[in-house]
Structures are given as C-alpha cells and as structure tokens.
Amino acid sequence: MEQQKLPNATLILVFGIISIVTCCCYGIIGLIFGIIGLVLAKKATILYAVNPSMYEGYNNVKLGKTLSIIGIVLNILVIFFFVWIISIIGWDALQNEELMRERMEDYFQNLE
C-alpha cells in the first residue's frame, strides 16, 4: 500500500516558522500562528498514531510542533516585554519621542 503524506504536515512546519519570525510584530501575529500550528500538529499526531504505516511526513509535524512551541514562548515573552515597557513609560510617551526619552532617563536614573 502506498504511503500518503500527512494532511497539513508542511503547513504545520510553515506555521511554526512564521510564529518565530513574526515575534517582532508585538507578539500577537506570531502567537496566533503558533497556536494554530500546535492545534494542527495535535490533529496530525492523532491521525498518525492510528495508522503510522499509512502516512509519511511525520518528521515535519514534529519539527513544526517544536517550532510552534518555541514561537509561542517567544511571542509571550515579547508581549510581556511590551506590557512592561508601557507600564514604565506610559501609553502617551509612545507617541511623543521627547517624553519617552525623559521617562526612560528618569527610570534608569532611579535604578542607580
């Protein structure tokens, strides 16, 4: 019997890569891609576990799942970083460069 490719195996891998690459986009876009990749990987893993001799491409699923997990963690860290920055300098300082510079200097002087 000829082996079939696992459904969405390549897509899972691509979503894992995209979730890591887009972590610079405020963490939201990459988090969405990472979660979708993880859900698709779970479905593909269940399908592969039922009949492993029928499917090929499970390595792409495993790698995509790993990349999705790494992407989710990175995106959560980026979100926490931006929340931390906004809590330090305030939302209004993000729009005004001089005010941002003042608040950052005040913050770092208080650390010393």
C-alpha atoms as a PDB file:
ATOM      1  CA  MET A   1       0.000   0.000   0.000  1.00  0.00           C
ATOM      2  CA  GLU A   2       1.333   3.404  -0.955  1.00  0.00           C
ATOM      3  CA  GLN A   3       2.018   5.850   1.857  1.00  0.00           C
ATOM      4  CA  GLN A   4       0.189   9.164   1.861  1.00  0.00           C
ATOM      5  CA  LYS A   5       1.501  12.464   3.117  1.00  0.00           C
ATOM      6  CA  LEU A   6       0.098  13.518   6.445  1.00  0.00           C
ATOM      7  CA  PRO A   7      -2.500  16.235   5.928  1.00  0.00           C
ATOM      8  CA  ASN A   8      -1.149  19.715   6.748  1.00  0.00           C
ATOM      9  CA  ALA A   9       2.366  18.444   7.568  1.00  0.00           C
ATOM     10  CA  THR A  10       4.040  21.153   5.503  1.00  0.00           C
ATOM     11  CA  LEU A  11       1.561  23.767   6.698  1.00  0.00           C
ATOM     12  CA  ILE A  12       2.378  22.941  10.324  1.00  0.00           C
ATOM     13  CA  LEU A  13       6.060  23.429   9.606  1.00  0.00           C
ATOM     14  CA  VAL A  14       5.409  26.752   7.856  1.00  0.00           C
ATOM     15  CA  PHE A  15       3.209  27.997  10.709  1.00  0.00           C
ATOM     16  CA  GLY A  16       5.940  27.102  13.218  1.00  0.00           C
ATOM     17  CA  ILE A  17       8.494  29.084  11.238  1.00  0.00           C
ATOM     18  CA  ILE A  18       6.134  32.039  10.797  1.00  0.00           C
ATOM     19  CA  SER A  19       5.377  32.090  14.537  1.00  0.00           C
ATOM     20  CA  ILE A  20       9.076  32.549  15.288  1.00  0.00           C
ATOM     21  CA  VAL A  21       9.739  35.081  12.532  1.00  0.00           C
ATOM     22  CA  THR A  22       6.752  37.270  13.416  1.00  0.00           C
ATOM     23  CA  CYS A  23       7.511  37.529  17.120  1.00  0.00           C
ATOM     24  CA  CYS A  24       8.720  41.076  16.380  1.00  0.00           C
ATOM     25  CA  CYS A  25       5.171  42.101  15.420  1.00  0.00           C
ATOM     26  CA  TYR A  26       4.134  42.869  19.010  1.00  0.00           C
ATOM     27  CA  GLY A  27       3.700  39.148  19.722  1.00  0.00           C
ATOM     28  CA  ILE A  28       0.106  38.858  18.558  1.00  0.00           C
ATOM     29  CA  ILE A  29       0.509  37.609  14.987  1.00  0.00           C
ATOM     30  CA  GLY A  30       3.135  35.029  15.885  1.00  0.00           C
ATOM     31  CA  LEU A  31       1.088  33.814  18.828  1.00  0.00           C
ATOM     32  CA  ILE A  32      -1.874  33.161  16.544  1.00  0.00           C
ATOM     33  CA  PHE A  33       0.259  31.238  14.027  1.00  0.00           C
ATOM     34  CA  GLY A  34       1.913  29.251  16.828  1.00  0.00           C
ATOM     35  CA  ILE A  35      -1.380  28.211  18.371  1.00  0.00           C
ATOM     36  CA  ILE A  36      -2.855  27.216  15.001  1.00  0.00           C
ATOM     37  CA  GLY A  37       0.291  25.216  14.205  1.00  0.00           C
ATOM     38  CA  LEU A  38       0.095  23.458  17.559  1.00  0.00           C
ATOM     39  CA  VAL A  39      -3.574  22.535  17.092  1.00  0.00           C
ATOM     40  CA  LEU A  40      -2.935  21.216  13.584  1.00  0.00           C
ATOM     41  CA  ALA A  41       0.064  19.252  14.858  1.00  0.00           C
ATOM     42  CA  LYS A  42      -2.061  17.625  17.536  1.00  0.00           C
ATOM     43  CA  LYS A  43      -4.627  16.535  14.949  1.00  0.00           C
ATOM     44  CA  ALA A  44      -1.920  15.184  12.631  1.00  0.00           C
ATOM     45  CA  THR A  45      -0.251  13.322  15.512  1.00  0.00           C
ATOM     46  CA  ILE A  46      -3.529  11.623  16.420  1.00  0.00           C
ATOM     47  CA  LEU A  47      -4.075  10.681  12.781  1.00  0.00           C
ATOM     48  CA  TYR A  48      -0.541   9.286  12.531  1.00  0.00           C
ATOM     49  CA  ALA A  49      -0.885   7.342  15.804  1.00  0.00           C
ATOM     50  CA  VAL A  50      -3.938   5.492  14.490  1.00  0.00           C
ATOM     51  CA  ASN A  51      -2.138   4.110  11.434  1.00  0.00           C
ATOM     52  CA  PRO A  52       1.585   5.022  11.220  1.00  0.00           C
ATOM     53  CA  SER A  53       2.313   2.745   8.259  1.00  0.00           C
ATOM     54  CA  MET A  54      -0.170   4.623   6.090  1.00  0.00           C
ATOM     55  CA  TYR A  55       1.369   8.104   6.421  1.00  0.00           C
ATOM     56  CA  GLU A  56       4.709   9.758   5.797  1.00  0.00           C
ATOM     57  CA  GLY A  57       5.978  13.204   6.735  1.00  0.00           C
ATOM     58  CA  TYR A  58       5.669  12.850  10.483  1.00  0.00           C
ATOM     59  CA  ASN A  59       9.088  14.488  10.914  1.00  0.00           C
ATOM     60  CA  ASN A  60       7.661  17.737   9.513  1.00  0.00           C
ATOM     61  CA  VAL A  61       4.852  17.540  12.054  1.00  0.00           C
ATOM     62  CA  LYS A  62       7.255  17.011  14.953  1.00  0.00           C
ATOM     63  CA  LEU A  63       9.520  19.835  13.830  1.00  0.00           C
ATOM     64  CA  GLY A  64       6.565  22.145  13.198  1.00  0.00           C
ATOM     65  CA  LYS A  65       5.186  21.360  16.651  1.00  0.00           C
ATOM     66  CA  THR A  66       8.547  22.168  18.243  1.00  0.00           C
ATOM     67  CA  LEU A  67       8.863  25.406  16.286  1.00  0.00           C
ATOM     68  CA  SER A  68       5.299  26.364  17.217  1.00  0.00           C
ATOM     69  CA  ILE A  69       6.049  25.853  20.907  1.00  0.00           C
ATOM     70  CA  ILE A  70       9.219  27.945  20.628  1.00  0.00           C
ATOM     71  CA  GLY A  71       7.274  30.604  18.723  1.00  0.00           C
ATOM     72  CA  ILE A  72       4.525  30.690  21.354  1.00  0.00           C
ATOM     73  CA  VAL A  73       7.063  31.127  24.154  1.00  0.00           C
ATOM     74  CA  LEU A  74       8.924  33.885  22.267  1.00  0.00           C
ATOM     75  CA  ASN A  75       5.698  35.711  21.462  1.00  0.00           C
ATOM     76  CA  ILE A  76       4.512  35.553  25.073  1.00  0.00           C
ATOM     77  CA  LEU A  77       7.862  36.988  26.176  1.00  0.00           C
ATOM     78  CA  VAL A  78       7.520  39.795  23.617  1.00  0.00           C
ATOM     79  CA  ILE A  79       4.008  40.576  24.842  1.00  0.00           C
ATOM     80  CA  PHE A  80       5.244  40.719  28.462  1.00  0.00           C
ATOM     81  CA  PHE A  81       8.107  42.973  27.355  1.00  0.00           C
ATOM     82  CA  PHE A  82       5.771  45.443  25.639  1.00  0.00           C
ATOM     83  CA  VAL A  83       3.394  45.453  28.608  1.00  0.00           C
ATOM     84  CA  TRP A  84       6.369  46.134  30.875  1.00  0.00           C
ATOM     85  CA  ILE A  85       7.607  48.986  28.657  1.00  0.00           C
ATOM     86  CA  ILE A  86       4.141  50.544  28.525  1.00  0.00           C
ATOM     87  CA  SER A  87       3.827  50.277  32.309  1.00  0.00           C
ATOM     88  CA  ILE A  88       7.167  52.084  32.741  1.00  0.00           C
ATOM     89  CA  ILE A  89       6.867  54.923  30.238  1.00  0.00           C
ATOM     90  CA  GLY A  90       3.107  55.090  29.700  1.00  0.00           C
ATOM     91  CA  TRP A  91       0.996  54.942  26.596  1.00  0.00           C
ATOM     92  CA  ASP A  92       1.211  58.672  25.882  1.00  0.00           C
ATOM     93  CA  ALA A  93       5.024  58.568  25.790  1.00  0.00           C
ATOM     94  CA  LEU A  94       4.917  56.095  22.921  1.00  0.00           C
ATOM     95  CA  GLN A  95       3.533  58.877  20.732  1.00  0.00           C
ATOM     96  CA  ASN A  96       5.983  61.564  21.865  1.00  0.00           C
ATOM     97  CA  GLU A  97       9.704  60.924  21.422  1.00  0.00           C
ATOM     98  CA  GLU A  98      10.861  63.638  23.840  1.00  0.00           C
ATOM     99  CA  LEU A  99       8.533  62.444  26.587  1.00  0.00           C
ATOM    100  CA  MET A 100       9.711  58.868  26.030  1.00  0.00           C
ATOM    101  CA  ARG A 101      13.348  59.923  26.334  1.00  0.00           C
ATOM    102  CA  GLU A 102      12.597  61.836  29.560  1.00  0.00           C
ATOM    103  CA  ARG A 103      10.764  58.951  31.177  1.00  0.00           C
ATOM    104  CA  MET A 104      13.416  56.419  30.154  1.00  0.00           C
ATOM    105  CA  GLU A 105      16.179  58.641  31.584  1.00  0.00           C
ATOM    106  CA  ASP A 106      14.189  59.072  34.818  1.00  0.00           C
ATOM    107  CA  TYR A 107      13.648  55.345  35.058  1.00  0.00           C
ATOM    108  CA  PHE A 108      17.304  54.467  34.566  1.00  0.00           C
ATOM    109  CA  GLN A 109      18.462  57.189  36.963  1.00  0.00           C
ATOM    110  CA  ASN A 110      16.167  55.785  39.643  1.00  0.00           C
ATOM    111  CA  LEU A 111      17.751  52.369  39.166  1.00  0.00           C
ATOM    112  CA  GLU A 112      21.184  53.691  40.131  1.00  0.00           C
END
